[in-house]
Amino acid sequence: MQELNYNENPIVFNQTDEVISFKCELQENLQKAMKIFVEEHPNWDQYRILQAAIAGFLMQKGFQNRDLTRLYVGNMFSMNFKD
């Protein structure tokens, strides 16, 4: 199985963002689906998908934070918000 691209998406990150790496094991079916999605949508990468998913989950669970909302909206709509 081909590995996904591990390059950072410049649309998602800017110079003031702090990036923390973590290792995450995914079920094979989830990894395959993500790989297919990224191949069909070249403006997305696995980092953008995971950031949008985590931010969306936290927002759905009631966590309210302006930076989190900006990250979620920015990932979903390829927007880059400047402070």
PDB file of N, CA and C in Angstrom:
ATOM      1  N   MET A   1       0.836  -1.171   0.000  1.00  0.00           N
ATOM      2  CA  MET A   1       0.000   0.000   0.000  1.00  0.00           C
ATOM      3  C   MET A   1       0.885   1.240   0.000  1.00  0.00           C
ATOM      4  N   GLN A   2       0.544   2.201  -0.845  1.00  0.00           N
ATOM      5  CA  GLN A   2       1.324   3.412  -0.963  1.00  0.00           C
ATOM      6  C   GLN A   2       1.095   4.322   0.243  1.00  0.00           C
ATOM      7  N   GLU A   3       2.174   4.903   0.744  1.00  0.00           N
ATOM      8  CA  GLU A   3       2.093   5.827   1.865  1.00  0.00           C
ATOM      9  C   GLU A   3       1.503   7.152   1.407  1.00  0.00           C
ATOM     10  N   LEU A   4       0.806   7.823   2.304  1.00  0.00           N
ATOM     11  CA  LEU A   4       0.277   9.138   2.000  1.00  0.00           C
ATOM     12  C   LEU A   4       1.380  10.179   2.085  1.00  0.00           C
ATOM     13  N   ASN A   5       1.150  11.313   1.465  1.00  0.00           N
ATOM     14  CA  ASN A   5       2.097  12.412   1.458  1.00  0.00           C
ATOM     15  C   ASN A   5       2.196  13.022   2.854  1.00  0.00           C
ATOM     16  N   TYR A   6       3.401  13.175   3.359  1.00  0.00           N
ATOM     17  CA  TYR A   6       3.593  13.731   4.694  1.00  0.00           C
ATOM     18  C   TYR A   6       4.103  15.163   4.667  1.00  0.00           C
ATOM     19  N   ASN A   7       3.932  15.857   3.543  1.00  0.00           N
ATOM     20  CA  ASN A   7       4.325  17.261   3.467  1.00  0.00           C
ATOM     21  C   ASN A   7       3.233  18.125   4.078  1.00  0.00           C
ATOM     22  N   GLU A   8       3.631  19.211   4.737  1.00  0.00           N
ATOM     23  CA  GLU A   8       2.667  20.121   5.343  1.00  0.00           C
ATOM     24  C   GLU A   8       1.947  20.906   4.263  1.00  0.00           C
ATOM     25  N   ASN A   9       0.667  21.137   4.460  1.00  0.00           N
ATOM     26  CA  ASN A   9      -0.137  21.918   3.537  1.00  0.00           C
ATOM     27  C   ASN A   9       0.014  23.394   3.912  1.00  0.00           C
ATOM     28  N   PRO A  10       0.605  24.235   3.026  1.00  0.00           N
ATOM     29  CA  PRO A  10       0.825  25.641   3.379  1.00  0.00           C
ATOM     30  C   PRO A  10      -0.475  26.419   3.560  1.00  0.00           C
ATOM     31  N   ILE A  11      -1.590  25.939   3.018  1.00  0.00           N
ATOM     32  CA  ILE A  11      -2.874  26.610   3.198  1.00  0.00           C
ATOM     33  C   ILE A  11      -3.314  26.508   4.657  1.00  0.00           C
ATOM     34  N   VAL A  12      -3.021  25.378   5.290  1.00  0.00           N
ATOM     35  CA  VAL A  12      -3.475  25.114   6.650  1.00  0.00           C
ATOM     36  C   VAL A  12      -2.569  25.773   7.684  1.00  0.00           C
ATOM     37  N   PHE A  13      -1.264  25.780   7.442  1.00  0.00           N
ATOM     38  CA  PHE A  13      -0.311  26.288   8.421  1.00  0.00           C
ATOM     39  C   PHE A  13       0.179  27.663   8.026  1.00  0.00           C
ATOM     40  N   ASN A  14       0.439  28.486   9.006  1.00  0.00           N
ATOM     41  CA  ASN A  14       1.154  29.730   8.740  1.00  0.00           C
ATOM     42  C   ASN A  14       2.295  29.833   9.738  1.00  0.00           C
ATOM     43  N   GLN A  15       3.091  30.878   9.621  1.00  0.00           N
ATOM     44  CA  GLN A  15       4.297  30.969  10.443  1.00  0.00           C
ATOM     45  C   GLN A  15       3.999  31.064  11.931  1.00  0.00           C
ATOM     46  N   THR A  16       2.831  31.546  12.329  1.00  0.00           N
ATOM     47  CA  THR A  16       2.545  31.717  13.747  1.00  0.00           C
ATOM     48  C   THR A  16       1.907  30.486  14.384  1.00  0.00           C
ATOM     49  N   ASP A  17       1.509  29.500  13.574  1.00  0.00           N
ATOM     50  CA  ASP A  17       0.905  28.288  14.122  1.00  0.00           C
ATOM     51  C   ASP A  17       1.959  27.415  14.786  1.00  0.00           C
ATOM     52  N   GLU A  18       1.593  26.855  15.922  1.00  0.00           N
ATOM     53  CA  GLU A  18       2.447  25.867  16.550  1.00  0.00           C
ATOM     54  C   GLU A  18       1.973  24.504  16.089  1.00  0.00           C
ATOM     55  N   VAL A  19       2.885  23.676  15.627  1.00  0.00           N
ATOM     56  CA  VAL A  19       2.541  22.353  15.124  1.00  0.00           C
ATOM     57  C   VAL A  19       3.145  21.316  16.046  1.00  0.00           C
ATOM     58  N   ILE A  20       2.306  20.419  16.517  1.00  0.00           N
ATOM     59  CA  ILE A  20       2.748  19.335  17.380  1.00  0.00           C
ATOM     60  C   ILE A  20       2.475  18.030  16.653  1.00  0.00           C
ATOM     61  N   SER A  21       3.488  17.219  16.475  1.00  0.00           N
ATOM     62  CA  SER A  21       3.331  15.941  15.792  1.00  0.00           C
ATOM     63  C   SER A  21       2.952  14.861  16.782  1.00  0.00           C
ATOM     64  N   PHE A  22       2.145  13.938  16.327  1.00  0.00           N
ATOM     65  CA  PHE A  22       1.852  12.758  17.129  1.00  0.00           C
ATOM     66  C   PHE A  22       1.672  11.577  16.197  1.00  0.00           C
ATOM     67  N   LYS A  23       1.960  10.421  16.721  1.00  0.00           N
ATOM     68  CA  LYS A  23       1.853   9.200  15.940  1.00  0.00           C
ATOM     69  C   LYS A  23       0.476   8.605  16.201  1.00  0.00           C
ATOM     70  N   CYS A  24      -0.187   8.205  15.135  1.00  0.00           N
ATOM     71  CA  CYS A  24      -1.546   7.704  15.256  1.00  0.00           C
ATOM     72  C   CYS A  24      -1.710   6.486  14.352  1.00  0.00           C
ATOM     73  N   GLU A  25      -2.183   5.411  14.918  1.00  0.00           N
ATOM     74  CA  GLU A  25      -2.476   4.224  14.119  1.00  0.00           C
ATOM     75  C   GLU A  25      -3.917   4.296  13.643  1.00  0.00           C
ATOM     76  N   LEU A  26      -4.129   4.046  12.351  1.00  0.00           N
ATOM     77  CA  LEU A  26      -5.465   4.047  11.775  1.00  0.00           C
ATOM     78  C   LEU A  26      -5.810   2.646  11.303  1.00  0.00           C
ATOM     79  N   GLN A  27      -7.088   2.324  11.373  1.00  0.00           N
ATOM     80  CA  GLN A  27      -7.514   1.062  10.793  1.00  0.00           C
ATOM     81  C   GLN A  27      -7.260   1.119   9.296  1.00  0.00           C
ATOM     82  N   GLU A  28      -6.958  -0.013   8.710  1.00  0.00           N
ATOM     83  CA  GLU A  28      -6.606  -0.062   7.297  1.00  0.00           C
ATOM     84  C   GLU A  28      -7.710   0.502   6.410  1.00  0.00           C
ATOM     85  N   ASN A  29      -8.971   0.202   6.711  1.00  0.00           N
ATOM     86  CA  ASN A  29     -10.077   0.702   5.885  1.00  0.00           C
ATOM     87  C   ASN A  29     -10.156   2.222   5.928  1.00  0.00           C
ATOM     88  N   LEU A  30      -9.915   2.810   7.090  1.00  0.00           N
ATOM     89  CA  LEU A  30      -9.934   4.260   7.215  1.00  0.00           C
ATOM     90  C   LEU A  30      -8.775   4.877   6.438  1.00  0.00           C
ATOM     91  N   GLN A  31      -7.608   4.267   6.523  1.00  0.00           N
ATOM     92  CA  GLN A  31      -6.441   4.766   5.805  1.00  0.00           C
ATOM     93  C   GLN A  31      -6.668   4.682   4.301  1.00  0.00           C
ATOM     94  N   LYS A  32      -7.250   3.582   3.828  1.00  0.00           N
ATOM     95  CA  LYS A  32      -7.529   3.432   2.394  1.00  0.00           C
ATOM     96  C   LYS A  32      -8.533   4.478   1.919  1.00  0.00           C
ATOM     97  N   ALA A  33      -9.580   4.702   2.698  1.00  0.00           N
ATOM     98  CA  ALA A  33     -10.592   5.697   2.329  1.00  0.00           C
ATOM     99  C   ALA A  33      -9.977   7.093   2.279  1.00  0.00           C
ATOM    100  N   MET A  34      -9.121   7.414   3.250  1.00  0.00           N
ATOM    101  CA  MET A  34      -8.473   8.708   3.275  1.00  0.00           C
ATOM    102  C   MET A  34      -7.548   8.863   2.065  1.00  0.00           C
ATOM    103  N   LYS A  35      -6.829   7.817   1.713  1.00  0.00           N
ATOM    104  CA  LYS A  35      -5.932   7.838   0.553  1.00  0.00           C
ATOM    105  C   LYS A  35      -6.716   8.093  -0.730  1.00  0.00           C
ATOM    106  N   ILE A  36      -7.842   7.417  -0.904  1.00  0.00           N
ATOM    107  CA  ILE A  36      -8.680   7.605  -2.094  1.00  0.00           C
ATOM    108  C   ILE A  36      -9.208   9.036  -2.135  1.00  0.00           C
ATOM    109  N   PHE A  37      -9.677   9.536  -0.983  1.00  0.00           N
ATOM    110  CA  PHE A  37     -10.200  10.898  -0.918  1.00  0.00           C
ATOM    111  C   PHE A  37      -9.130  11.910  -1.315  1.00  0.00           C
ATOM    112  N   VAL A  38      -7.925  11.755  -0.783  1.00  0.00           N
ATOM    113  CA  VAL A  38      -6.826  12.684  -1.086  1.00  0.00           C
ATOM    114  C   VAL A  38      -6.468  12.622  -2.568  1.00  0.00           C
ATOM    115  N   GLU A  39      -6.487  11.432  -3.157  1.00  0.00           N
ATOM    116  CA  GLU A  39      -6.190  11.308  -4.587  1.00  0.00           C
ATOM    117  C   GLU A  39      -7.248  11.991  -5.444  1.00  0.00           C
ATOM    118  N   GLU A  40      -8.505  11.952  -5.001  1.00  0.00           N
ATOM    119  CA  GLU A  40      -9.598  12.563  -5.757  1.00  0.00           C
ATOM    120  C   GLU A  40      -9.748  14.059  -5.475  1.00  0.00           C
ATOM    121  N   HIS A  41      -9.196  14.525  -4.370  1.00  0.00           N
ATOM    122  CA  HIS A  41      -9.294  15.932  -3.970  1.00  0.00           C
ATOM    123  C   HIS A  41      -7.888  16.449  -3.649  1.00  0.00           C
ATOM    124  N   PRO A  42      -7.129  16.866  -4.669  1.00  0.00           N
ATOM    125  CA  PRO A  42      -5.719  17.225  -4.455  1.00  0.00           C
ATOM    126  C   PRO A  42      -5.491  18.429  -3.553  1.00  0.00           C
ATOM    127  N   ASN A  43      -6.529  19.227  -3.279  1.00  0.00           N
ATOM    128  CA  ASN A  43      -6.355  20.354  -2.365  1.00  0.00           C
ATOM    129  C   ASN A  43      -6.444  19.920  -0.897  1.00  0.00           C
ATOM    130  N   TRP A  44      -6.697  18.649  -0.636  1.00  0.00           N
ATOM    131  CA  TRP A  44      -6.730  18.091   0.715  1.00  0.00           C
ATOM    132  C   TRP A  44      -5.515  17.190   0.914  1.00  0.00           C
ATOM    133  N   ASP A  45      -5.071  17.064   2.144  1.00  0.00           N
ATOM    134  CA  ASP A  45      -4.074  16.058   2.517  1.00  0.00           C
ATOM    135  C   ASP A  45      -4.501  15.458   3.851  1.00  0.00           C
ATOM    136  N   GLN A  46      -3.781  14.434   4.310  1.00  0.00           N
ATOM    137  CA  GLN A  46      -4.218  13.739   5.525  1.00  0.00           C
ATOM    138  C   GLN A  46      -4.167  14.643   6.745  1.00  0.00           C
ATOM    139  N   TYR A  47      -3.295  15.631   6.752  1.00  0.00           N
ATOM    140  CA  TYR A  47      -3.222  16.551   7.885  1.00  0.00           C
ATOM    141  C   TYR A  47      -4.463  17.435   7.941  1.00  0.00           C
ATOM    142  N   ARG A  48      -4.856  17.927   6.795  1.00  0.00           N
ATOM    143  CA  ARG A  48      -6.051  18.775   6.737  1.00  0.00           C
ATOM    144  C   ARG A  48      -7.291  17.982   7.134  1.00  0.00           C
ATOM    145  N   ILE A  49      -7.391  16.744   6.682  1.00  0.00           N
ATOM    146  CA  ILE A  49      -8.538  15.891   7.039  1.00  0.00           C
ATOM    147  C   ILE A  49      -8.591  15.670   8.546  1.00  0.00           C
ATOM    148  N   LEU A  50      -7.471  15.278   9.139  1.00  0.00           N
ATOM    149  CA  LEU A  50      -7.446  15.003  10.573  1.00  0.00           C
ATOM    150  C   LEU A  50      -7.702  16.264  11.394  1.00  0.00           C
ATOM    151  N   GLN A  51      -7.134  17.401  10.985  1.00  0.00           N
ATOM    152  CA  GLN A  51      -7.377  18.637  11.717  1.00  0.00           C
ATOM    153  C   GLN A  51      -8.846  19.027  11.657  1.00  0.00           C
ATOM    154  N   ALA A  52      -9.444  18.918  10.467  1.00  0.00           N
ATOM    155  CA  ALA A  52     -10.863  19.262  10.332  1.00  0.00           C
ATOM    156  C   ALA A  52     -11.725  18.302  11.151  1.00  0.00           C
ATOM    157  N   ALA A  53     -11.383  17.019  11.140  1.00  0.00           N
ATOM    158  CA  ALA A  53     -12.161  16.029  11.887  1.00  0.00           C
ATOM    159  C   ALA A  53     -12.069  16.261  13.397  1.00  0.00           C
ATOM    160  N   ILE A  54     -10.874  16.502  13.899  1.00  0.00           N
ATOM    161  CA  ILE A  54     -10.703  16.718  15.337  1.00  0.00           C
ATOM    162  C   ILE A  54     -11.383  18.020  15.764  1.00  0.00           C
ATOM    163  N   ALA A  55     -11.170  19.089  14.995  1.00  0.00           N
ATOM    164  CA  ALA A  55     -11.800  20.369  15.323  1.00  0.00           C
ATOM    165  C   ALA A  55     -13.319  20.250  15.272  1.00  0.00           C
ATOM    166  N   GLY A  56     -13.847  19.575  14.251  1.00  0.00           N
ATOM    167  CA  GLY A  56     -15.291  19.374  14.143  1.00  0.00           C
ATOM    168  C   GLY A  56     -15.851  18.579  15.306  1.00  0.00           C
ATOM    169  N   PHE A  57     -15.150  17.534  15.705  1.00  0.00           N
ATOM    170  CA  PHE A  57     -15.569  16.713  16.840  1.00  0.00           C
ATOM    171  C   PHE A  57     -15.629  17.545  18.121  1.00  0.00           C
ATOM    172  N   LEU A  58     -14.567  18.314  18.376  1.00  0.00           N
ATOM    173  CA  LEU A  58     -14.531  19.131  19.587  1.00  0.00           C
ATOM    174  C   LEU A  58     -15.641  20.180  19.588  1.00  0.00           C
ATOM    175  N   MET A  59     -15.893  20.791  18.438  1.00  0.00           N
ATOM    176  CA  MET A  59     -16.967  21.786  18.356  1.00  0.00           C
ATOM    177  C   MET A  59     -18.327  21.133  18.595  1.00  0.00           C
ATOM    178  N   GLN A  60     -18.545  19.933  18.048  1.00  0.00           N
ATOM    179  CA  GLN A  60     -19.807  19.223  18.250  1.00  0.00           C
ATOM    180  C   GLN A  60     -20.010  18.858  19.717  1.00  0.00           C
ATOM    181  N   LYS A  61     -18.920  18.639  20.432  1.00  0.00           N
ATOM    182  CA  LYS A  61     -19.000  18.274  21.845  1.00  0.00           C
ATOM    183  C   LYS A  61     -19.074  19.492  22.758  1.00  0.00           C
ATOM    184  N   GLY A  62     -19.187  20.684  22.171  1.00  0.00           N
ATOM    185  CA  GLY A  62     -19.420  21.878  22.967  1.00  0.00           C
ATOM    186  C   GLY A  62     -18.201  22.702  23.292  1.00  0.00           C
ATOM    187  N   PHE A  63     -17.025  22.318  22.811  1.00  0.00           N
ATOM    188  CA  PHE A  63     -15.827  23.102  23.080  1.00  0.00           C
ATOM    189  C   PHE A  63     -15.863  24.340  22.197  1.00  0.00           C
ATOM    190  N   GLN A  64     -15.854  25.512  22.808  1.00  0.00           N
ATOM    191  CA  GLN A  64     -15.941  26.756  22.055  1.00  0.00           C
ATOM    192  C   GLN A  64     -14.663  27.555  22.215  1.00  0.00           C
ATOM    193  N   ASN A  65     -14.041  27.844  21.090  1.00  0.00           N
ATOM    194  CA  ASN A  65     -12.792  28.570  21.085  1.00  0.00           C
ATOM    195  C   ASN A  65     -12.639  29.198  19.698  1.00  0.00           C
ATOM    196  N   ARG A  66     -12.357  30.478  19.646  1.00  0.00           N
ATOM    197  CA  ARG A  66     -12.254  31.183  18.363  1.00  0.00           C
ATOM    198  C   ARG A  66     -11.181  30.573  17.463  1.00  0.00           C
ATOM    199  N   ASP A  67     -10.018  30.232  18.015  1.00  0.00           N
ATOM    200  CA  ASP A  67      -8.944  29.654  17.208  1.00  0.00           C
ATOM    201  C   ASP A  67      -9.352  28.295  16.635  1.00  0.00           C
ATOM    202  N   LEU A  68     -10.054  27.507  17.442  1.00  0.00           N
ATOM    203  CA  LEU A  68     -10.541  26.210  16.973  1.00  0.00           C
ATOM    204  C   LEU A  68     -11.538  26.391  15.826  1.00  0.00           C
ATOM    205  N   THR A  69     -12.438  27.352  15.974  1.00  0.00           N
ATOM    206  CA  THR A  69     -13.418  27.624  14.923  1.00  0.00           C
ATOM    207  C   THR A  69     -12.725  28.072  13.643  1.00  0.00           C
ATOM    208  N   ARG A  70     -11.723  28.934  13.771  1.00  0.00           N
ATOM    209  CA  ARG A  70     -10.964  29.373  12.590  1.00  0.00           C
ATOM    210  C   ARG A  70     -10.255  28.209  11.917  1.00  0.00           C
ATOM    211  N   LEU A  71      -9.663  27.336  12.707  1.00  0.00           N
ATOM    212  CA  LEU A  71      -8.978  26.168  12.152  1.00  0.00           C
ATOM    213  C   LEU A  71      -9.962  25.274  11.407  1.00  0.00           C
ATOM    214  N   TYR A  72     -11.109  25.018  12.014  1.00  0.00           N
ATOM    215  CA  TYR A  72     -12.125  24.166  11.387  1.00  0.00           C
ATOM    216  C   TYR A  72     -12.621  24.780  10.079  1.00  0.00           C
ATOM    217  N   VAL A  73     -13.037  26.030  10.118  1.00  0.00           N
ATOM    218  CA  VAL A  73     -13.562  26.690   8.920  1.00  0.00           C
ATOM    219  C   VAL A  73     -12.465  26.800   7.861  1.00  0.00           C
ATOM    220  N   GLY A  74     -11.262  27.144   8.287  1.00  0.00           N
ATOM    221  CA  GLY A  74     -10.149  27.241   7.342  1.00  0.00           C
ATOM    222  C   GLY A  74      -9.853  25.931   6.647  1.00  0.00           C
ATOM    223  N   ASN A  75      -9.908  24.833   7.384  1.00  0.00           N
ATOM    224  CA  ASN A  75      -9.670  23.523   6.784  1.00  0.00           C
ATOM    225  C   ASN A  75     -10.805  23.119   5.846  1.00  0.00           C
ATOM    226  N   MET A  76     -12.028  23.369   6.262  1.00  0.00           N
ATOM    227  CA  MET A  76     -13.176  22.944   5.467  1.00  0.00           C
ATOM    228  C   MET A  76     -13.293  23.720   4.158  1.00  0.00           C
ATOM    229  N   PHE A  77     -12.927  24.991   4.185  1.00  0.00           N
ATOM    230  CA  PHE A  77     -13.157  25.837   3.020  1.00  0.00           C
ATOM    231  C   PHE A  77     -11.880  26.435   2.430  1.00  0.00           C
ATOM    232  N   SER A  78     -10.734  25.857   2.759  1.00  0.00           N
ATOM    233  CA  SER A  78      -9.431  26.324   2.240  1.00  0.00           C
ATOM    234  C   SER A  78      -9.224  27.808   2.452  1.00  0.00           C
ATOM    235  N   MET A  79      -9.573  28.267   3.635  1.00  0.00           N
ATOM    236  CA  MET A  79      -9.405  29.683   3.963  1.00  0.00           C
ATOM    237  C   MET A  79      -8.238  29.834   4.911  1.00  0.00           C
ATOM    238  N   ASN A  80      -7.544  30.935   4.786  1.00  0.00           N
ATOM    239  CA  ASN A  80      -6.430  31.225   5.687  1.00  0.00           C
ATOM    240  C   ASN A  80      -6.738  32.540   6.386  1.00  0.00           C
ATOM    241  N   PHE A  81      -7.058  32.478   7.676  1.00  0.00           N
ATOM    242  CA  PHE A  81      -7.425  33.677   8.424  1.00  0.00           C
ATOM    243  C   PHE A  81      -6.192  34.350   8.992  1.00  0.00           C
ATOM    244  N   LYS A  82      -6.116  35.632   8.810  1.00  0.00           N
ATOM    245  CA  LYS A  82      -5.031  36.433   9.390  1.00  0.00           C
ATOM    246  C   LYS A  82      -5.582  37.139  10.616  1.00  0.00           C
ATOM    247  N   ASP A  83      -4.787  37.213  11.673  1.00  0.00           N
ATOM    248  CA  ASP A  83      -5.234  37.906  12.900  1.00  0.00           C
ATOM    249  C   ASP A  83      -5.232  39.398  12.717  1.00  0.00           C
TER     250      ASP A  83
END
